[in-house]
């Protein structure tokens, strides 16, 4: 399971910090899946997180619809954008998660 791999990573502390930060947003629930740890609310998926060779990635499930004022999101897919983090920047993550929640609320 990816969650177990994340806990064995050299970035375990960063992963756990991000994991404890996400539930601070109202209604966000964590689901540990075989390949990824995901976060959603009653309106749908918000993001997933996982450790990488440089830190962690937040995969923003509706990132293509988000405004990237900070120019930090990567990817060119039809839906997902990735926010790489070497150190958790809570203000940046909050900016993106709040957008994702807002997009979900328009469903």
PDB file of N, CA and C in Angstrom:
ATOM      1  N   UNK A   1       0.844  -1.180   0.000  1.00  0.00           N
ATOM      2  CA  UNK A   1       0.000   0.000   0.000  1.00  0.00           C
ATOM      3  C   UNK A   1       0.894   1.249   0.000  1.00  0.00           C
ATOM      4  N   UNK A   2       0.535   2.248  -0.811  1.00  0.00           N
ATOM      5  CA  UNK A   2       1.341   3.462  -0.926  1.00  0.00           C
ATOM      6  C   UNK A   2       1.499   4.170   0.413  1.00  0.00           C
ATOM      7  N   UNK A   3       0.449   4.185   1.224  1.00  0.00           N
ATOM      8  CA  UNK A   3       0.516   4.832   2.537  1.00  0.00           C
ATOM      9  C   UNK A   3       1.684   4.273   3.347  1.00  0.00           C
ATOM     10  N   UNK A   4       1.850   2.967   3.337  1.00  0.00           N
ATOM     11  CA  UNK A   4       2.950   2.337   4.073  1.00  0.00           C
ATOM     12  C   UNK A   4       4.302   2.768   3.509  1.00  0.00           C
ATOM     13  N   UNK A   5       4.398   2.890   2.185  1.00  0.00           N
ATOM     14  CA  UNK A   5       5.633   3.359   1.557  1.00  0.00           C
ATOM     15  C   UNK A   5       5.913   4.809   1.955  1.00  0.00           C
ATOM     16  N   UNK A   6       4.858   5.627   2.020  1.00  0.00           N
ATOM     17  CA  UNK A   6       5.026   7.021   2.420  1.00  0.00           C
ATOM     18  C   UNK A   6       5.561   7.118   3.845  1.00  0.00           C
ATOM     19  N   UNK A   7       5.133   6.204   4.707  1.00  0.00           N
ATOM     20  CA  UNK A   7       5.593   6.209   6.096  1.00  0.00           C
ATOM     21  C   UNK A   7       7.025   5.699   6.236  1.00  0.00           C
ATOM     22  N   UNK A   8       7.540   5.036   5.206  1.00  0.00           N
ATOM     23  CA  UNK A   8       8.915   4.553   5.226  1.00  0.00           C
ATOM     24  C   UNK A   8       9.868   5.491   4.476  1.00  0.00           C
ATOM     25  N   UNK A   9       9.314   6.506   3.855  1.00  0.00           N
ATOM     26  CA  UNK A   9      10.106   7.441   3.055  1.00  0.00           C
ATOM     27  C   UNK A   9      10.954   8.349   3.941  1.00  0.00           C
ATOM     28  N   UNK A  10      12.026   8.876   3.379  1.00  0.00           N
ATOM     29  CA  UNK A  10      12.825   9.873   4.104  1.00  0.00           C
ATOM     30  C   UNK A  10      12.015  11.151   4.325  1.00  0.00           C
ATOM     31  N   UNK A  11      10.893  11.301   3.602  1.00  0.00           N
ATOM     32  CA  UNK A  11      10.017  12.467   3.749  1.00  0.00           C
ATOM     33  C   UNK A  11       8.768  12.153   4.569  1.00  0.00           C
ATOM     34  N   UNK A  12       8.868  11.143   5.408  1.00  0.00           N
ATOM     35  CA  UNK A  12       7.755  10.736   6.271  1.00  0.00           C
ATOM     36  C   UNK A  12       7.231  11.922   7.087  1.00  0.00           C
ATOM     37  N   UNK A  13       8.104  12.703   7.705  1.00  0.00           N
ATOM     38  CA  UNK A  13       7.670  13.817   8.557  1.00  0.00           C
ATOM     39  C   UNK A  13       6.890  14.850   7.748  1.00  0.00           C
ATOM     40  N   UNK A  14       7.338  15.132   6.537  1.00  0.00           N
ATOM     41  CA  UNK A  14       6.637  16.077   5.668  1.00  0.00           C
ATOM     42  C   UNK A  14       5.274  15.521   5.264  1.00  0.00           C
ATOM     43  N   UNK A  15       5.239  14.248   4.922  1.00  0.00           N
ATOM     44  CA  UNK A  15       3.977  13.586   4.570  1.00  0.00           C
ATOM     45  C   UNK A  15       2.995  13.664   5.739  1.00  0.00           C
ATOM     46  N   UNK A  16       3.452  13.357   6.936  1.00  0.00           N
ATOM     47  CA  UNK A  16       2.581  13.380   8.113  1.00  0.00           C
ATOM     48  C   UNK A  16       2.128  14.802   8.449  1.00  0.00           C
ATOM     49  N   UNK A  17       2.994  15.767   8.242  1.00  0.00           N
ATOM     50  CA  UNK A  17       2.611  17.164   8.467  1.00  0.00           C
ATOM     51  C   UNK A  17       1.489  17.570   7.506  1.00  0.00           C
ATOM     52  N   UNK A  18       1.643  17.224   6.243  1.00  0.00           N
ATOM     53  CA  UNK A  18       0.607  17.526   5.251  1.00  0.00           C
ATOM     54  C   UNK A  18      -0.678  16.778   5.573  1.00  0.00           C
ATOM     55  N   UNK A  19      -0.536  15.543   5.953  1.00  0.00           N
ATOM     56  CA  UNK A  19      -1.682  14.695   6.287  1.00  0.00           C
ATOM     57  C   UNK A  19      -2.460  15.268   7.469  1.00  0.00           C
ATOM     58  N   UNK A  20      -1.782  15.846   8.435  1.00  0.00           N
ATOM     59  CA  UNK A  20      -2.480  16.415   9.592  1.00  0.00           C
ATOM     60  C   UNK A  20      -3.055  17.799   9.277  1.00  0.00           C
ATOM     61  N   UNK A  21      -2.526  18.478   8.263  1.00  0.00           N
ATOM     62  CA  UNK A  21      -3.020  19.799   7.885  1.00  0.00           C
ATOM     63  C   UNK A  21      -4.324  19.721   7.089  1.00  0.00           C
ATOM     64  N   UNK A  22      -4.452  18.775   6.196  1.00  0.00           N
ATOM     65  CA  UNK A  22      -5.622  18.709   5.311  1.00  0.00           C
ATOM     66  C   UNK A  22      -6.959  18.587   6.045  1.00  0.00           C
ATOM     67  N   UNK A  23      -7.064  17.807   7.107  1.00  0.00           N
ATOM     68  CA  UNK A  23      -8.355  17.739   7.797  1.00  0.00           C
ATOM     69  C   UNK A  23      -8.758  19.035   8.515  1.00  0.00           C
ATOM     70  N   UNK A  24      -7.880  20.040   8.528  1.00  0.00           N
ATOM     71  CA  UNK A  24      -8.246  21.318   9.134  1.00  0.00           C
ATOM     72  C   UNK A  24      -9.275  22.063   8.273  1.00  0.00           C
ATOM     73  N   UNK A  25      -9.482  21.616   7.045  1.00  0.00           N
ATOM     74  CA  UNK A  25     -10.502  22.198   6.179  1.00  0.00           C
ATOM     75  C   UNK A  25     -11.813  21.452   6.417  1.00  0.00           C
ATOM     76  N   UNK A  26     -12.885  22.197   6.606  1.00  0.00           N
ATOM     77  CA  UNK A  26     -14.184  21.598   6.927  1.00  0.00           C
ATOM     78  C   UNK A  26     -14.603  20.536   5.921  1.00  0.00           C
ATOM     79  N   UNK A  27     -14.991  19.396   6.449  1.00  0.00           N
ATOM     80  CA  UNK A  27     -15.581  18.346   5.640  1.00  0.00           C
ATOM     81  C   UNK A  27     -14.621  17.483   4.845  1.00  0.00           C
ATOM     82  N   UNK A  28     -13.319  17.693   4.971  1.00  0.00           N
ATOM     83  CA  UNK A  28     -12.369  16.872   4.206  1.00  0.00           C
ATOM     84  C   UNK A  28     -12.111  15.552   4.925  1.00  0.00           C
ATOM     85  N   UNK A  29     -12.234  14.485   4.174  1.00  0.00           N
ATOM     86  CA  UNK A  29     -12.023  13.138   4.693  1.00  0.00           C
ATOM     87  C   UNK A  29     -10.864  12.464   3.976  1.00  0.00           C
ATOM     88  N   UNK A  30     -10.104  11.676   4.709  1.00  0.00           N
ATOM     89  CA  UNK A  30      -8.978  10.935   4.151  1.00  0.00           C
ATOM     90  C   UNK A  30      -9.401   9.518   3.805  1.00  0.00           C
ATOM     91  N   UNK A  31      -8.910   9.020   2.677  1.00  0.00           N
ATOM     92  CA  UNK A  31      -9.111   7.636   2.286  1.00  0.00           C
ATOM     93  C   UNK A  31      -7.762   7.067   1.876  1.00  0.00           C
ATOM     94  N   UNK A  32      -7.350   5.984   2.520  1.00  0.00           N
ATOM     95  CA  UNK A  32      -6.096   5.322   2.164  1.00  0.00           C
ATOM     96  C   UNK A  32      -6.420   4.263   1.120  1.00  0.00           C
ATOM     97  N   UNK A  33      -5.954   4.497  -0.095  1.00  0.00           N
ATOM     98  CA  UNK A  33      -6.168   3.551  -1.185  1.00  0.00           C
ATOM     99  C   UNK A  33      -4.880   2.788  -1.430  1.00  0.00           C
ATOM    100  N   UNK A  34      -4.963   1.747  -2.195  1.00  0.00           N
ATOM    101  CA  UNK A  34      -3.793   0.916  -2.479  1.00  0.00           C
ATOM    102  C   UNK A  34      -2.644   1.736  -3.067  1.00  0.00           C
ATOM    103  N   UNK A  35      -2.967   2.646  -3.984  1.00  0.00           N
ATOM    104  CA  UNK A  35      -1.919   3.363  -4.711  1.00  0.00           C
ATOM    105  C   UNK A  35      -1.695   4.803  -4.256  1.00  0.00           C
ATOM    106  N   UNK A  36      -2.578   5.343  -3.401  1.00  0.00           N
ATOM    107  CA  UNK A  36      -2.456   6.765  -3.049  1.00  0.00           C
ATOM    108  C   UNK A  36      -3.340   7.065  -1.828  1.00  0.00           C
ATOM    109  N   UNK A  37      -3.012   8.131  -1.123  1.00  0.00           N
ATOM    110  CA  UNK A  37      -3.852   8.613  -0.022  1.00  0.00           C
ATOM    111  C   UNK A  37      -4.625   9.813  -0.556  1.00  0.00           C
ATOM    112  N   UNK A  38      -5.952   9.730  -0.531  1.00  0.00           N
ATOM    113  CA  UNK A  38      -6.785  10.766  -1.144  1.00  0.00           C
ATOM    114  C   UNK A  38      -7.588  11.529  -0.108  1.00  0.00           C
ATOM    115  N   UNK A  39      -8.029  12.714  -0.534  1.00  0.00           N
ATOM    116  CA  UNK A  39      -8.838  13.599   0.317  1.00  0.00           C
ATOM    117  C   UNK A  39     -10.019  14.096  -0.505  1.00  0.00           C
ATOM    118  N   UNK A  40     -11.193  14.069   0.114  1.00  0.00           N
ATOM    119  CA  UNK A  40     -12.411  14.470  -0.577  1.00  0.00           C
ATOM    120  C   UNK A  40     -13.372  15.109   0.419  1.00  0.00           C
ATOM    121  N   UNK A  41     -14.437  15.692  -0.117  1.00  0.00           N
ATOM    122  CA  UNK A  41     -15.543  16.143   0.722  1.00  0.00           C
ATOM    123  C   UNK A  41     -16.822  15.561   0.136  1.00  0.00           C
ATOM    124  N   UNK A  42     -17.963  15.984   0.645  1.00  0.00           N
ATOM    125  CA  UNK A  42     -19.228  15.389   0.200  1.00  0.00           C
ATOM    126  C   UNK A  42     -19.517  15.664  -1.269  1.00  0.00           C
ATOM    127  N   UNK A  43     -18.837  16.620  -1.869  1.00  0.00           N
ATOM    128  CA  UNK A  43     -19.066  16.969  -3.267  1.00  0.00           C
ATOM    129  C   UNK A  43     -18.089  16.287  -4.234  1.00  0.00           C
ATOM    130  N   UNK A  44     -17.064  15.597  -3.698  1.00  0.00           N
ATOM    131  CA  UNK A  44     -16.137  14.898  -4.578  1.00  0.00           C
ATOM    132  C   UNK A  44     -14.687  15.012  -4.145  1.00  0.00           C
ATOM    133  N   UNK A  45     -13.806  14.558  -5.027  1.00  0.00           N
ATOM    134  CA  UNK A  45     -12.379  14.529  -4.738  1.00  0.00           C
ATOM    135  C   UNK A  45     -11.756  15.913  -4.699  1.00  0.00           C
ATOM    136  N   UNK A  46     -10.795  16.076  -3.792  1.00  0.00           N
ATOM    137  CA  UNK A  46     -10.063  17.329  -3.652  1.00  0.00           C
ATOM    138  C   UNK A  46      -8.621  17.134  -4.145  1.00  0.00           C
ATOM    139  N   UNK A  47      -7.910  16.181  -3.505  1.00  0.00           N
ATOM    140  CA  UNK A  47      -6.501  15.984  -3.850  1.00  0.00           C
ATOM    141  C   UNK A  47      -6.027  14.620  -3.363  1.00  0.00           C
ATOM    142  N   UNK A  48      -4.800  14.319  -3.703  1.00  0.00           N
ATOM    143  CA  UNK A  48      -4.112  13.177  -3.116  1.00  0.00           C
ATOM    144  C   UNK A  48      -2.702  13.634  -2.752  1.00  0.00           C
ATOM    145  N   UNK A  49      -2.071  12.918  -1.839  1.00  0.00           N
ATOM    146  CA  UNK A  49      -0.680  13.218  -1.505  1.00  0.00           C
ATOM    147  C   UNK A  49       0.130  11.934  -1.513  1.00  0.00           C
ATOM    148  N   UNK A  50       1.403  12.109  -1.810  1.00  0.00           N
ATOM    149  CA  UNK A  50       2.334  10.982  -1.767  1.00  0.00           C
ATOM    150  C   UNK A  50       3.753  11.520  -1.690  1.00  0.00           C
ATOM    151  N   UNK A  51       4.635  10.701  -1.156  1.00  0.00           N
ATOM    152  CA  UNK A  51       6.036  11.088  -1.092  1.00  0.00           C
ATOM    153  C   UNK A  51       6.683  10.885  -2.453  1.00  0.00           C
ATOM    154  N   UNK A  52       7.684  11.709  -2.702  1.00  0.00           N
ATOM    155  CA  UNK A  52       8.432  11.650  -3.948  1.00  0.00           C
ATOM    156  C   UNK A  52       9.919  11.682  -3.605  1.00  0.00           C
ATOM    157  N   UNK A  53      10.778  11.668  -4.595  1.00  0.00           N
ATOM    158  CA  UNK A  53      12.223  11.667  -4.348  1.00  0.00           C
ATOM    159  C   UNK A  53      12.726  12.991  -3.792  1.00  0.00           C
ATOM    160  N   UNK A  54      11.925  14.042  -3.876  1.00  0.00           N
ATOM    161  CA  UNK A  54      12.325  15.387  -3.434  1.00  0.00           C
ATOM    162  C   UNK A  54      11.476  15.927  -2.291  1.00  0.00           C
ATOM    163  N   UNK A  55      10.415  15.230  -1.907  1.00  0.00           N
ATOM    164  CA  UNK A  55       9.486  15.722  -0.887  1.00  0.00           C
ATOM    165  C   UNK A  55       8.143  15.048  -1.064  1.00  0.00           C
ATOM    166  N   UNK A  56       7.088  15.862  -1.216  1.00  0.00           N
ATOM    167  CA  UNK A  56       5.752  15.320  -1.454  1.00  0.00           C
ATOM    168  C   UNK A  56       5.086  16.049  -2.603  1.00  0.00           C
ATOM    169  N   UNK A  57       4.078  15.407  -3.160  1.00  0.00           N
ATOM    170  CA  UNK A  57       3.232  16.004  -4.190  1.00  0.00           C
ATOM    171  C   UNK A  57       1.806  16.045  -3.682  1.00  0.00           C
ATOM    172  N   UNK A  58       1.145  17.166  -3.918  1.00  0.00           N
ATOM    173  CA  UNK A  58      -0.303  17.258  -3.793  1.00  0.00           C
ATOM    174  C   UNK A  58      -0.834  17.170  -5.204  1.00  0.00           C
ATOM    175  N   UNK A  59      -1.582  16.150  -5.505  1.00  0.00           N
ATOM    176  CA  UNK A  59      -2.227  16.030  -6.810  1.00  0.00           C
ATOM    177  C   UNK A  59      -3.607  16.639  -6.699  1.00  0.00           C
ATOM    178  N   UNK A  60      -3.791  17.820  -7.265  1.00  0.00           N
ATOM    179  CA  UNK A  60      -5.068  18.527  -7.191  1.00  0.00           C
ATOM    180  C   UNK A  60      -5.965  18.007  -8.301  1.00  0.00           C
ATOM    181  N   UNK A  61      -7.014  17.293  -7.917  1.00  0.00           N
ATOM    182  CA  UNK A  61      -7.819  16.525  -8.861  1.00  0.00           C
ATOM    183  C   UNK A  61      -8.553  17.382  -9.887  1.00  0.00           C
ATOM    184  N   UNK A  62      -8.809  18.640  -9.551  1.00  0.00           N
ATOM    185  CA  UNK A  62      -9.451  19.557 -10.494  1.00  0.00           C
ATOM    186  C   UNK A  62      -8.532  20.743 -10.781  1.00  0.00           C
ATOM    187  N   UNK A  63      -7.247  20.482 -10.715  1.00  0.00           N
ATOM    188  CA  UNK A  63      -6.244  21.528 -10.862  1.00  0.00           C
ATOM    189  C   UNK A  63      -6.295  22.275 -12.183  1.00  0.00           C
ATOM    190  N   UNK A  64      -6.731  21.624 -13.249  1.00  0.00           N
ATOM    191  CA  UNK A  64      -6.801  22.289 -14.553  1.00  0.00           C
ATOM    192  C   UNK A  64      -7.827  23.416 -14.551  1.00  0.00           C
ATOM    193  N   UNK A  65      -8.771  23.374 -13.620  1.00  0.00           N
ATOM    194  CA  UNK A  65      -9.796  24.414 -13.517  1.00  0.00           C
ATOM    195  C   UNK A  65      -9.392  25.526 -12.554  1.00  0.00           C
ATOM    196  N   UNK A  66      -8.252  25.356 -11.911  1.00  0.00           N
ATOM    197  CA  UNK A  66      -7.840  26.301 -10.877  1.00  0.00           C
ATOM    198  C   UNK A  66      -7.014  27.442 -11.451  1.00  0.00           C
ATOM    199  N   UNK A  67      -7.085  28.579 -10.775  1.00  0.00           N
ATOM    200  CA  UNK A  67      -6.248  29.716 -11.117  1.00  0.00           C
ATOM    201  C   UNK A  67      -4.899  29.502 -10.443  1.00  0.00           C
ATOM    202  N   UNK A  68      -3.847  29.565 -11.212  1.00  0.00           N
ATOM    203  CA  UNK A  68      -2.495  29.319 -10.685  1.00  0.00           C
ATOM    204  C   UNK A  68      -1.724  30.635 -10.594  1.00  0.00           C
ATOM    205  N   UNK A  69      -2.198  31.548  -9.754  1.00  0.00           N
ATOM    206  CA  UNK A  69      -1.571  32.866  -9.602  1.00  0.00           C
ATOM    207  C   UNK A  69      -0.117  32.761  -9.159  1.00  0.00           C
ATOM    208  N   UNK A  70       0.205  31.713  -8.425  1.00  0.00           N
ATOM    209  CA  UNK A  70       1.551  31.559  -7.885  1.00  0.00           C
ATOM    210  C   UNK A  70       2.492  30.832  -8.848  1.00  0.00           C
ATOM    211  N   UNK A  71       1.953  30.318  -9.932  1.00  0.00           N
ATOM    212  CA  UNK A  71       2.730  29.583 -10.955  1.00  0.00           C
ATOM    213  C   UNK A  71       3.541  28.436 -10.359  1.00  0.00           C
ATOM    214  N   UNK A  72       2.908  27.680  -9.470  1.00  0.00           N
ATOM    215  CA  UNK A  72       3.576  26.558  -8.812  1.00  0.00           C
ATOM    216  C   UNK A  72       3.051  25.195  -9.254  1.00  0.00           C
ATOM    217  N   UNK A  73       1.921  25.175  -9.929  1.00  0.00           N
ATOM    218  CA  UNK A  73       1.331  23.901 -10.336  1.00  0.00           C
ATOM    219  C   UNK A  73       2.016  23.376 -11.591  1.00  0.00           C
ATOM    220  N   UNK A  74       2.208  22.068 -11.627  1.00  0.00           N
ATOM    221  CA  UNK A  74       2.833  21.431 -12.777  1.00  0.00           C
ATOM    222  C   UNK A  74       1.843  20.469 -13.419  1.00  0.00           C
ATOM    223  N   UNK A  75       2.098  20.116 -14.654  1.00  0.00           N
ATOM    224  CA  UNK A  75       1.266  19.167 -15.369  1.00  0.00           C
ATOM    225  C   UNK A  75       0.465  19.836 -16.465  1.00  0.00           C
ATOM    226  N   UNK A  76       0.082  19.040 -17.445  1.00  0.00           N
ATOM    227  CA  UNK A  76      -0.662  19.557 -18.586  1.00  0.00           C
ATOM    228  C   UNK A  76      -1.847  18.657 -18.940  1.00  0.00           C
ATOM    229  N   UNK A  77      -2.225  17.780 -18.006  1.00  0.00           N
ATOM    230  CA  UNK A  77      -3.341  16.871 -18.254  1.00  0.00           C
ATOM    231  C   UNK A  77      -4.675  17.594 -18.298  1.00  0.00           C
ATOM    232  N   UNK A  78      -5.717  16.866 -18.625  1.00  0.00           N
ATOM    233  CA  UNK A  78      -7.050  17.446 -18.742  1.00  0.00           C
ATOM    234  C   UNK A  78      -7.655  17.816 -17.392  1.00  0.00           C
ATOM    235  N   UNK A  79      -7.187  17.211 -16.296  1.00  0.00           N
ATOM    236  CA  UNK A  79      -7.811  17.458 -14.995  1.00  0.00           C
ATOM    237  C   UNK A  79      -6.805  17.807 -13.895  1.00  0.00           C
ATOM    238  N   UNK A  80      -5.855  16.950 -13.655  1.00  0.00           N
ATOM    239  CA  UNK A  80      -4.977  17.064 -12.484  1.00  0.00           C
ATOM    240  C   UNK A  80      -3.816  18.030 -12.718  1.00  0.00           C
ATOM    241  N   UNK A  81      -3.502  18.776 -11.664  1.00  0.00           N
ATOM    242  CA  UNK A  81      -2.271  19.557 -11.590  1.00  0.00           C
ATOM    243  C   UNK A  81      -1.591  19.162 -10.286  1.00  0.00           C
ATOM    244  N   UNK A  82      -0.286  19.249 -10.269  1.00  0.00           N
ATOM    245  CA  UNK A  82       0.494  18.800  -9.115  1.00  0.00           C
ATOM    246  C   UNK A  82       1.174  19.991  -8.457  1.00  0.00           C
ATOM    247  N   UNK A  83       1.101  20.023  -7.135  1.00  0.00           N
ATOM    248  CA  UNK A  83       1.799  21.027  -6.338  1.00  0.00           C
ATOM    249  C   UNK A  83       2.923  20.316  -5.598  1.00  0.00           C
ATOM    250  N   UNK A  84       4.162  20.419  -6.094  1.00  0.00           N
ATOM    251  CA  UNK A  84       5.287  19.783  -5.409  1.00  0.00           C
ATOM    252  C   UNK A  84       5.699  20.615  -4.192  1.00  0.00           C
ATOM    253  N   UNK A  85       6.080  19.930  -3.119  1.00  0.00           N
ATOM    254  CA  UNK A  85       6.499  20.608  -1.893  1.00  0.00           C
ATOM    255  C   UNK A  85       7.735  19.931  -1.320  1.00  0.00           C
ATOM    256  N   UNK A  86       8.789  20.714  -1.116  1.00  0.00           N
ATOM    257  CA  UNK A  86       9.988  20.217  -0.440  1.00  0.00           C
ATOM    258  C   UNK A  86       9.880  20.503   1.051  1.00  0.00           C
ATOM    259  N   UNK A  87       9.112  21.532   1.372  1.00  0.00           N
ATOM    260  CA  UNK A  87       8.792  21.936   2.741  1.00  0.00           C
ATOM    261  C   UNK A  87       7.350  22.414   2.677  1.00  0.00           C
ATOM    262  N   UNK A  88       6.526  22.030   3.636  1.00  0.00           N
ATOM    263  CA  UNK A  88       5.107  22.370   3.575  1.00  0.00           C
ATOM    264  C   UNK A  88       4.910  23.876   3.718  1.00  0.00           C
ATOM    265  N   UNK A  89       4.378  24.482   2.669  1.00  0.00           N
ATOM    266  CA  UNK A  89       4.022  25.896   2.680  1.00  0.00           C
ATOM    267  C   UNK A  89       2.508  25.959   2.858  1.00  0.00           C
ATOM    268  N   UNK A  90       2.073  26.100   4.088  1.00  0.00           N
ATOM    269  CA  UNK A  90       0.644  26.019   4.401  1.00  0.00           C
ATOM    270  C   UNK A  90      -0.168  27.089   3.686  1.00  0.00           C
ATOM    271  N   UNK A  91       0.382  28.267   3.481  1.00  0.00           N
ATOM    272  CA  UNK A  91      -0.364  29.325   2.790  1.00  0.00           C
ATOM    273  C   UNK A  91      -0.623  28.946   1.336  1.00  0.00           C
ATOM    274  N   UNK A  92       0.366  28.367   0.686  1.00  0.00           N
ATOM    275  CA  UNK A  92       0.206  27.937  -0.706  1.00  0.00           C
ATOM    276  C   UNK A  92      -0.791  26.783  -0.785  1.00  0.00           C
ATOM    277  N   UNK A  93      -0.637  25.806   0.085  1.00  0.00           N
ATOM    278  CA  UNK A  93      -1.547  24.659   0.085  1.00  0.00           C
ATOM    279  C   UNK A  93      -2.976  25.128   0.384  1.00  0.00           C
ATOM    280  N   UNK A  94      -3.125  26.011   1.346  1.00  0.00           N
ATOM    281  CA  UNK A  94      -4.455  26.529   1.688  1.00  0.00           C
ATOM    282  C   UNK A  94      -5.090  27.237   0.493  1.00  0.00           C
ATOM    283  N   UNK A  95      -4.315  28.051  -0.212  1.00  0.00           N
ATOM    284  CA  UNK A  95      -4.798  28.756  -1.404  1.00  0.00           C
ATOM    285  C   UNK A  95      -5.370  27.760  -2.421  1.00  0.00           C
ATOM    286  N   UNK A  96      -4.631  26.690  -2.678  1.00  0.00           N
ATOM    287  CA  UNK A  96      -5.064  25.704  -3.675  1.00  0.00           C
ATOM    288  C   UNK A  96      -6.206  24.830  -3.172  1.00  0.00           C
ATOM    289  N   UNK A  97      -6.155  24.397  -1.926  1.00  0.00           N
ATOM    290  CA  UNK A  97      -7.223  23.534  -1.392  1.00  0.00           C
ATOM    291  C   UNK A  97      -8.544  24.300  -1.337  1.00  0.00           C
ATOM    292  N   UNK A  98      -8.501  25.551  -0.937  1.00  0.00           N
ATOM    293  CA  UNK A  98      -9.736  26.350  -0.898  1.00  0.00           C
ATOM    294  C   UNK A  98     -10.336  26.504  -2.290  1.00  0.00           C
ATOM    295  N   UNK A  99      -9.484  26.662  -3.294  1.00  0.00           N
ATOM    296  CA  UNK A  99      -9.992  26.714  -4.677  1.00  0.00           C
ATOM    297  C   UNK A  99     -10.655  25.401  -5.061  1.00  0.00           C
ATOM    298  N   UNK A 100     -10.008  24.299  -4.723  1.00  0.00           N
ATOM    299  CA  UNK A 100     -10.564  22.975  -5.055  1.00  0.00           C
ATOM    300  C   UNK A 100     -11.909  22.769  -4.372  1.00  0.00           C
ATOM    301  N   UNK A 101     -12.019  23.181  -3.134  1.00  0.00           N
ATOM    302  CA  UNK A 101     -13.295  23.066  -2.407  1.00  0.00           C
ATOM    303  C   UNK A 101     -14.362  23.916  -3.084  1.00  0.00           C
ATOM    304  N   UNK A 102     -13.994  25.122  -3.493  1.00  0.00           N
ATOM    305  CA  UNK A 102     -14.928  26.016  -4.179  1.00  0.00           C
ATOM    306  C   UNK A 102     -15.396  25.407  -5.496  1.00  0.00           C
ATOM    307  N   UNK A 103     -14.492  24.832  -6.260  1.00  0.00           N
ATOM    308  CA  UNK A 103     -14.859  24.178  -7.518  1.00  0.00           C
ATOM    309  C   UNK A 103     -15.837  23.036  -7.247  1.00  0.00           C
ATOM    310  N   UNK A 104     -15.570  22.243  -6.200  1.00  0.00           N
ATOM    311  CA  UNK A 104     -16.473  21.145  -5.838  1.00  0.00           C
ATOM    312  C   UNK A 104     -17.857  21.667  -5.458  1.00  0.00           C
ATOM    313  N   UNK A 105     -17.921  22.812  -4.804  1.00  0.00           N
ATOM    314  CA  UNK A 105     -19.205  23.326  -4.316  1.00  0.00           C
ATOM    315  C   UNK A 105     -20.121  23.752  -5.469  1.00  0.00           C
ATOM    316  N   UNK A 106     -19.556  23.943  -6.650  1.00  0.00           N
ATOM    317  CA  UNK A 106     -20.339  24.363  -7.815  1.00  0.00           C
ATOM    318  C   UNK A 106     -20.936  23.182  -8.572  1.00  0.00           C
ATOM    319  N   UNK A 107     -20.741  21.982  -8.066  1.00  0.00           N
ATOM    320  CA  UNK A 107     -21.271  20.779  -8.728  1.00  0.00           C
ATOM    321  C   UNK A 107     -22.772  20.743  -8.653  1.00  0.00           C
TER     322      UNK A 107
END
